[in-house]
Amino acid sequence: MKHQIKITLLLLLMFVCTQLIGLIVIDAYAPKTTLNPTANNVTIPYGMQPPEAPAGISLGSLIISLAIAVLIFFLLMKIKAKSLIKIWFTIVVFLTVSIALTALMTKIFPGSNVRLDVIALIIAIPLTFYKIFKRNMLVHNATELLVYPGLAAMFVPILNIWTCLILLVAISIYDMWAVWHSSLMVNLAKFQIQKVQVFTGFLVPYMRKEDRIALKAAQKIKTQKARTAKLRKIKISMALLGGGDVAFPLIFAGIVYRASGLIPALIIVAGSTIALGLLFLYSKKGKFYPAMPFITAGCIAAWLITLLI
């Protein structure tokens, strides 16, 4: 196993929580089919409502858009435009967190006459600030629980199951190439953490047993110079789970939810979680793995199971 069992379980817990929060957010923005179609209908705020028709965007145009976004990001990374990248992250985090919070508050306070979208914006301001500029680890991971539900709420209405399946396969192929053959994703993660000091995904720093023992020994050293030299040898390990590895299975689960209901969607969540858990279980220390091929396989297997129910 690549990480300690408790760290692995924490990553899986955050993954599952994001999927479940995402389904709640997606449901909040789903068109209602009651006798009064306008009752409790909630649209995505801030003028970001996606096209109403499922065919509002083609698979080709979506892939091209994603490719352009990735190319722009890598170009900014190449020219070391750290400020522009940080601004990009800030805008995305601020809007997606606000969208997710609006949906959650709508569920908690149905029929409220208060502008919940404005309240969500107000709450999102300090969360975004502490995530991007103060680099608070607790805030970082807590906001990640909201970022991907906010993104999924915008993409679910413009995709269908088959389009999303093809998209998952295409992204998995890219992920394998980017991790195993070009090291693009590895370099991207390192650049985000080391240079921009932000990361799109869950990030859990921890110390291995031997490093904790070394830390306790260093704290007992009375000489400042010797203590500093000892502390420099102590390593902080990082457990990472990329944002795409969380967002794409959520989008697929959301599409299944709107097409077939809650139980099939939960089966998709279970399939992607089991696949991710198996990857964590059999991965080795010091090596990088593309998670999307495994998660996509879990999603497809779970979807086939839903067809048999």
Protein backbone atom coordinates (compact mmCIF):
# COMPACT_ATOMS: atom_id res chain seq x y z
CA MET A 1 0.00 0.00 0.00
CA LYS A 2 1.34 3.40 -0.99
CA HIS A 3 0.06 5.32 2.05
CA GLN A 4 -0.75 4.49 5.65
CA ILE A 5 -4.13 2.82 6.11
CA LYS A 6 -5.63 5.77 7.98
CA ILE A 7 -4.49 8.20 5.27
CA THR A 8 -5.91 5.95 2.56
CA LEU A 9 -9.23 5.71 4.39
CA LEU A 10 -9.31 9.49 4.80
CA LEU A 11 -8.83 10.01 1.05
CA LEU A 12 -11.58 7.49 0.30
CA LEU A 13 -13.88 9.15 2.83
CA MET A 14 -13.38 12.57 1.23
CA PHE A 15 -13.96 11.04 -2.20
CA VAL A 16 -17.26 9.45 -1.12
CA CYS A 17 -18.41 12.60 0.71
CA THR A 18 -17.79 14.66 -2.42
CA GLN A 19 -19.82 12.22 -4.53
CA LEU A 20 -22.75 12.32 -2.09
CA ILE A 21 -22.65 16.11 -1.71
CA GLY A 22 -22.49 16.32 -5.48
CA LEU A 23 -25.67 14.26 -5.89
CA ILE A 24 -27.46 16.61 -3.47
CA VAL A 25 -26.26 19.65 -5.40
CA ILE A 26 -27.20 18.11 -8.76
CA ASP A 27 -30.65 17.25 -7.40
CA ALA A 28 -31.14 20.83 -6.20
CA TYR A 29 -30.63 22.14 -9.73
CA ALA A 30 -32.56 19.35 -11.49
CA PRO A 31 -35.83 20.43 -13.21
CA LYS A 32 -38.84 19.53 -11.08
CA THR A 33 -41.69 17.48 -12.58
CA THR A 34 -44.45 18.28 -10.10
CA LEU A 35 -47.93 19.51 -10.97
CA ASN A 36 -46.52 22.99 -10.58
CA PRO A 37 -43.27 22.80 -12.60
CA THR A 38 -42.06 26.13 -11.24
CA ALA A 39 -42.40 25.10 -7.60
CA ASN A 40 -39.06 24.97 -5.81
CA ASN A 41 -37.22 25.05 -9.12
CA VAL A 42 -33.73 26.37 -8.59
CA THR A 43 -31.46 27.48 -11.40
CA ILE A 44 -27.70 27.71 -11.22
CA PRO A 45 -26.99 31.25 -10.01
CA TYR A 46 -24.71 34.03 -11.26
CA GLY A 47 -25.81 33.64 -14.89
CA MET A 48 -24.09 30.26 -15.29
CA GLN A 49 -27.13 28.20 -16.26
CA PRO A 50 -26.12 25.59 -18.89
CA PRO A 51 -28.14 24.97 -22.08
CA GLU A 52 -31.52 23.33 -21.41
CA ALA A 53 -31.22 20.76 -24.19
CA PRO A 54 -29.06 17.69 -23.47
CA ALA A 55 -27.55 18.10 -26.92
CA GLY A 56 -26.57 21.67 -26.13
CA ILE A 57 -22.93 20.70 -26.50
CA SER A 58 -21.34 17.96 -28.56
CA LEU A 59 -18.71 15.53 -27.33
CA GLY A 60 -16.24 16.88 -29.85
CA SER A 61 -16.68 20.49 -28.78
CA LEU A 62 -16.42 19.49 -25.11
CA ILE A 63 -13.17 17.58 -25.67
CA ILE A 64 -11.78 20.49 -27.70
CA SER A 65 -12.75 22.92 -24.93
CA LEU A 66 -11.06 20.75 -22.29
CA ALA A 67 -7.97 20.39 -24.47
CA ILE A 68 -7.76 24.16 -24.97
CA ALA A 69 -8.10 24.73 -21.21
CA VAL A 70 -5.31 22.21 -20.50
CA LEU A 71 -3.07 23.75 -23.16
CA ILE A 72 -3.63 27.24 -21.76
CA PHE A 73 -2.78 25.98 -18.28
CA PHE A 74 0.41 24.27 -19.46
CA LEU A 75 1.37 27.42 -21.37
CA LEU A 76 0.93 29.49 -18.22
CA MET A 77 2.97 26.90 -16.35
CA LYS A 78 5.69 26.99 -19.02
CA ILE A 79 6.05 30.77 -18.84
CA LYS A 80 5.76 30.56 -15.03
CA ALA A 81 2.75 32.88 -14.90
CA LYS A 82 2.07 31.98 -11.28
CA SER A 83 -0.09 35.04 -10.61
CA LEU A 84 -2.41 34.32 -13.55
CA ILE A 85 -2.75 30.67 -12.51
CA LYS A 86 -3.58 31.72 -8.96
CA ILE A 87 -6.21 34.16 -10.26
CA TRP A 88 -7.68 31.36 -12.39
CA PHE A 89 -7.87 29.06 -9.37
CA THR A 90 -9.39 31.82 -7.25
CA ILE A 91 -12.22 32.50 -9.71
CA VAL A 92 -13.02 28.81 -10.21
CA VAL A 93 -13.00 28.02 -6.49
CA PHE A 94 -15.06 31.09 -5.61
CA LEU A 95 -17.79 30.38 -8.17
CA THR A 96 -18.02 26.60 -7.70
CA VAL A 97 -18.09 26.84 -3.91
CA SER A 98 -20.81 29.50 -4.17
CA ILE A 99 -22.86 27.34 -6.55
CA ALA A 100 -22.59 24.30 -4.26
CA LEU A 101 -23.40 26.29 -1.11
CA THR A 102 -26.45 27.84 -2.79
CA ALA A 103 -27.78 24.37 -3.61
CA LEU A 104 -27.12 23.00 -0.12
CA MET A 105 -28.78 25.98 1.58
CA THR A 106 -31.76 25.62 -0.78
CA LYS A 107 -32.14 22.05 0.45
CA ILE A 108 -31.84 23.12 4.08
CA PHE A 109 -34.13 26.15 3.73
CA PRO A 110 -36.66 25.26 1.00
CA GLY A 111 -38.93 28.06 -0.12
CA SER A 112 -36.82 30.72 1.61
CA ASN A 113 -37.35 34.29 0.43
CA VAL A 114 -33.79 35.21 1.39
CA ARG A 115 -31.22 35.56 -1.40
CA LEU A 116 -29.35 32.35 -0.60
CA ASP A 117 -27.05 32.84 -3.57
CA VAL A 118 -25.85 36.14 -2.08
CA ILE A 119 -25.28 34.50 1.31
CA ALA A 120 -23.33 31.73 -0.46
CA LEU A 121 -21.11 34.35 -2.09
CA ILE A 122 -20.42 35.98 1.26
CA ILE A 123 -19.46 32.62 2.82
CA ALA A 124 -17.33 31.70 -0.19
CA ILE A 125 -15.16 34.82 0.10
CA PRO A 126 -13.23 33.85 3.28
CA LEU A 127 -13.16 30.16 2.29
CA THR A 128 -11.54 31.03 -1.05
CA PHE A 129 -9.12 33.46 0.58
CA TYR A 130 -7.90 30.96 3.16
CA LYS A 131 -7.69 28.19 0.57
CA ILE A 132 -5.68 30.11 -2.04
CA PHE A 133 -3.70 32.68 -0.09
CA LYS A 134 -3.38 31.34 3.46
CA ARG A 135 -2.99 27.70 2.37
CA ASN A 136 -4.91 26.32 5.32
CA MET A 137 -4.97 22.53 4.84
CA LEU A 138 -8.29 22.01 6.60
CA VAL A 139 -9.98 24.73 4.54
CA HIS A 140 -8.34 23.41 1.39
CA ASN A 141 -9.82 19.93 1.72
CA ALA A 142 -13.16 21.20 3.06
CA THR A 143 -13.64 23.45 0.02
CA GLU A 144 -12.66 20.63 -2.32
CA LEU A 145 -15.78 18.87 -1.05
CA LEU A 146 -17.77 21.74 -2.63
CA VAL A 147 -15.71 22.62 -5.70
CA TYR A 148 -16.47 19.43 -7.66
CA PRO A 149 -20.21 19.37 -6.87
CA GLY A 150 -20.31 22.95 -8.16
CA LEU A 151 -18.54 21.92 -11.36
CA ALA A 152 -20.72 18.85 -11.80
CA ALA A 153 -23.88 20.95 -11.52
CA MET A 154 -22.80 22.81 -14.67
CA PHE A 155 -21.71 19.79 -16.72
CA VAL A 156 -24.38 17.19 -15.88
CA PRO A 157 -27.22 18.96 -17.78
CA ILE A 158 -25.23 19.12 -21.03
CA LEU A 159 -24.11 15.49 -21.19
CA ASN A 160 -25.78 12.11 -21.52
CA ILE A 161 -24.65 8.68 -20.40
CA TRP A 162 -23.02 7.59 -23.66
CA THR A 163 -21.27 10.91 -24.18
CA CYS A 164 -19.93 10.81 -20.64
CA LEU A 165 -18.76 7.19 -21.02
CA ILE A 166 -16.78 8.10 -24.13
CA LEU A 167 -15.40 11.12 -22.30
CA LEU A 168 -14.32 8.94 -19.35
CA VAL A 169 -12.51 6.52 -21.67
CA ALA A 170 -10.80 9.37 -23.52
CA ILE A 171 -9.66 11.00 -20.28
CA SER A 172 -8.41 7.64 -18.99
CA ILE A 173 -6.28 7.14 -22.09
CA TYR A 174 -4.87 10.66 -21.69
CA ASP A 175 -4.25 10.06 -17.98
CA MET A 176 -2.23 6.89 -18.70
CA TRP A 177 -0.14 8.69 -21.30
CA ALA A 178 0.35 11.79 -19.13
CA VAL A 179 1.48 9.81 -16.06
CA TRP A 180 3.32 6.80 -17.48
CA HIS A 181 4.84 8.17 -20.68
CA SER A 182 5.21 11.94 -20.51
CA SER A 183 5.15 12.72 -16.75
CA LEU A 184 2.96 15.74 -17.56
CA MET A 185 0.54 15.11 -14.71
CA VAL A 186 3.35 14.48 -12.25
CA ASN A 187 5.08 17.72 -13.25
CA LEU A 188 1.77 19.57 -13.14
CA ALA A 189 1.11 18.42 -9.58
CA LYS A 190 4.62 19.37 -8.47
CA PHE A 191 4.36 22.78 -10.12
CA GLN A 192 1.04 23.49 -8.43
CA ILE A 193 2.27 22.52 -4.98
CA GLN A 194 5.82 23.87 -5.10
CA LYS A 195 5.48 27.00 -7.27
CA VAL A 196 1.86 28.16 -7.21
CA GLN A 197 1.26 26.64 -3.76
CA VAL A 198 -2.23 25.45 -4.62
CA PHE A 199 -3.46 22.04 -5.69
CA THR A 200 -6.56 20.91 -7.56
CA GLY A 201 -7.55 17.91 -5.51
CA PHE A 202 -7.33 16.49 -2.03
CA LEU A 203 -4.01 16.89 -0.29
CA VAL A 204 -3.10 15.18 2.98
CA PRO A 205 0.40 15.72 4.40
CA TYR A 206 1.58 13.16 6.93
CA MET A 207 4.70 11.74 8.51
CA ARG A 208 5.74 8.12 8.39
CA LYS A 209 6.57 6.31 11.60
CA GLU A 210 10.32 6.63 11.20
CA ASP A 211 10.02 10.37 10.59
CA ARG A 212 7.83 10.86 13.67
CA ILE A 213 10.49 9.08 15.74
CA ALA A 214 13.17 11.30 14.19
CA LEU A 215 11.10 14.41 14.96
CA LYS A 216 10.79 13.48 18.63
CA ALA A 217 14.53 12.84 18.78
CA ALA A 218 15.27 16.21 17.14
CA GLN A 219 13.09 18.05 19.64
CA LYS A 220 15.28 16.74 22.46
CA ILE A 221 18.46 18.16 20.94
CA LYS A 222 19.47 21.29 22.83
CA THR A 223 21.86 22.78 20.25
CA GLN A 224 19.98 24.87 17.67
CA LYS A 225 22.37 24.07 14.82
CA ALA A 226 22.27 20.32 15.45
CA ARG A 227 18.48 20.38 15.86
CA THR A 228 18.03 22.24 12.57
CA ALA A 229 20.30 19.80 10.74
CA LYS A 230 18.29 16.89 12.13
CA LEU A 231 14.95 18.48 11.20
CA ARG A 232 16.06 19.00 7.59
CA LYS A 233 16.41 15.26 7.15
CA ILE A 234 12.81 14.62 8.19
CA LYS A 235 10.45 14.15 5.25
CA ILE A 236 6.78 15.09 5.03
CA SER A 237 4.89 12.65 2.81
CA MET A 238 1.97 13.80 0.65
CA ALA A 239 -1.13 11.78 -0.17
CA LEU A 240 -2.75 13.23 -3.29
CA LEU A 241 -6.00 12.65 -5.14
CA GLY A 242 -6.37 14.79 -8.26
CA GLY A 243 -9.45 16.89 -8.85
CA GLY A 244 -10.28 15.21 -12.14
CA ASP A 245 -10.29 11.84 -10.39
CA VAL A 246 -13.08 13.19 -8.17
CA ALA A 247 -15.02 15.34 -10.63
CA PHE A 248 -15.44 12.99 -13.60
CA PRO A 249 -16.97 10.02 -11.73
CA LEU A 250 -19.25 12.51 -9.96
CA ILE A 251 -20.44 13.89 -13.29
CA PHE A 252 -21.19 10.36 -14.50
CA ALA A 253 -23.01 9.49 -11.26
CA GLY A 254 -25.00 12.72 -11.60
CA ILE A 255 -26.04 11.88 -15.15
CA VAL A 256 -27.13 8.40 -14.06
CA TYR A 257 -29.00 9.96 -11.13
CA ARG A 258 -31.00 12.29 -13.38
CA ALA A 259 -31.67 9.48 -15.87
CA SER A 260 -32.40 6.52 -13.58
CA GLY A 261 -32.71 7.65 -9.96
CA LEU A 262 -30.83 7.56 -6.69
CA ILE A 263 -30.10 3.82 -6.30
CA PRO A 264 -28.31 3.46 -9.67
CA ALA A 265 -26.34 6.63 -8.91
CA LEU A 266 -25.26 5.25 -5.54
CA ILE A 267 -24.15 2.04 -7.28
CA ILE A 268 -21.96 4.18 -9.55
CA VAL A 269 -20.51 5.90 -6.48
CA ALA A 270 -19.83 2.50 -4.91
CA GLY A 271 -18.16 1.23 -8.09
CA SER A 272 -15.84 4.22 -8.44
CA THR A 273 -14.98 4.10 -4.72
CA ILE A 274 -14.16 0.39 -4.78
CA ALA A 275 -11.98 0.87 -7.86
CA LEU A 276 -10.12 3.75 -6.23
CA GLY A 277 -9.72 1.73 -3.03
CA LEU A 278 -8.19 -1.17 -4.95
CA LEU A 279 -5.78 1.22 -6.64
CA PHE A 280 -4.69 2.55 -3.24
CA LEU A 281 -4.39 -0.98 -1.90
CA TYR A 282 -2.11 -2.30 -4.65
CA SER A 283 -0.13 0.86 -5.42
CA LYS A 284 3.48 1.02 -4.30
CA LYS A 285 5.39 3.70 -2.44
CA GLY A 286 7.33 6.19 -4.53
CA LYS A 287 5.39 5.49 -7.73
CA PHE A 288 2.74 7.55 -9.52
CA TYR A 289 -0.41 5.99 -10.94
CA PRO A 290 -3.12 7.31 -13.27
CA ALA A 291 -6.32 6.95 -11.26
CA MET A 292 -8.84 7.60 -14.05
CA PRO A 293 -8.45 4.24 -15.87
CA PHE A 294 -9.27 2.39 -12.65
CA ILE A 295 -12.10 4.76 -11.69
CA THR A 296 -13.56 4.57 -15.21
CA ALA A 297 -13.48 0.77 -15.06
CA GLY A 298 -15.32 0.92 -11.73
CA CYS A 299 -17.90 3.32 -13.16
CA ILE A 300 -18.53 1.15 -16.21
CA ALA A 301 -18.78 -2.06 -14.15
CA ALA A 302 -21.23 -0.38 -11.77
CA TRP A 303 -23.28 0.99 -14.68
CA LEU A 304 -23.55 -2.48 -16.21
CA ILE A 305 -24.82 -3.73 -12.84
CA THR A 306 -27.51 -1.04 -12.83
CA LEU A 307 -28.72 -2.26 -16.22
CA LEU A 308 -29.32 -5.72 -14.71
CA ILE A 309 -31.37 -4.44 -11.76
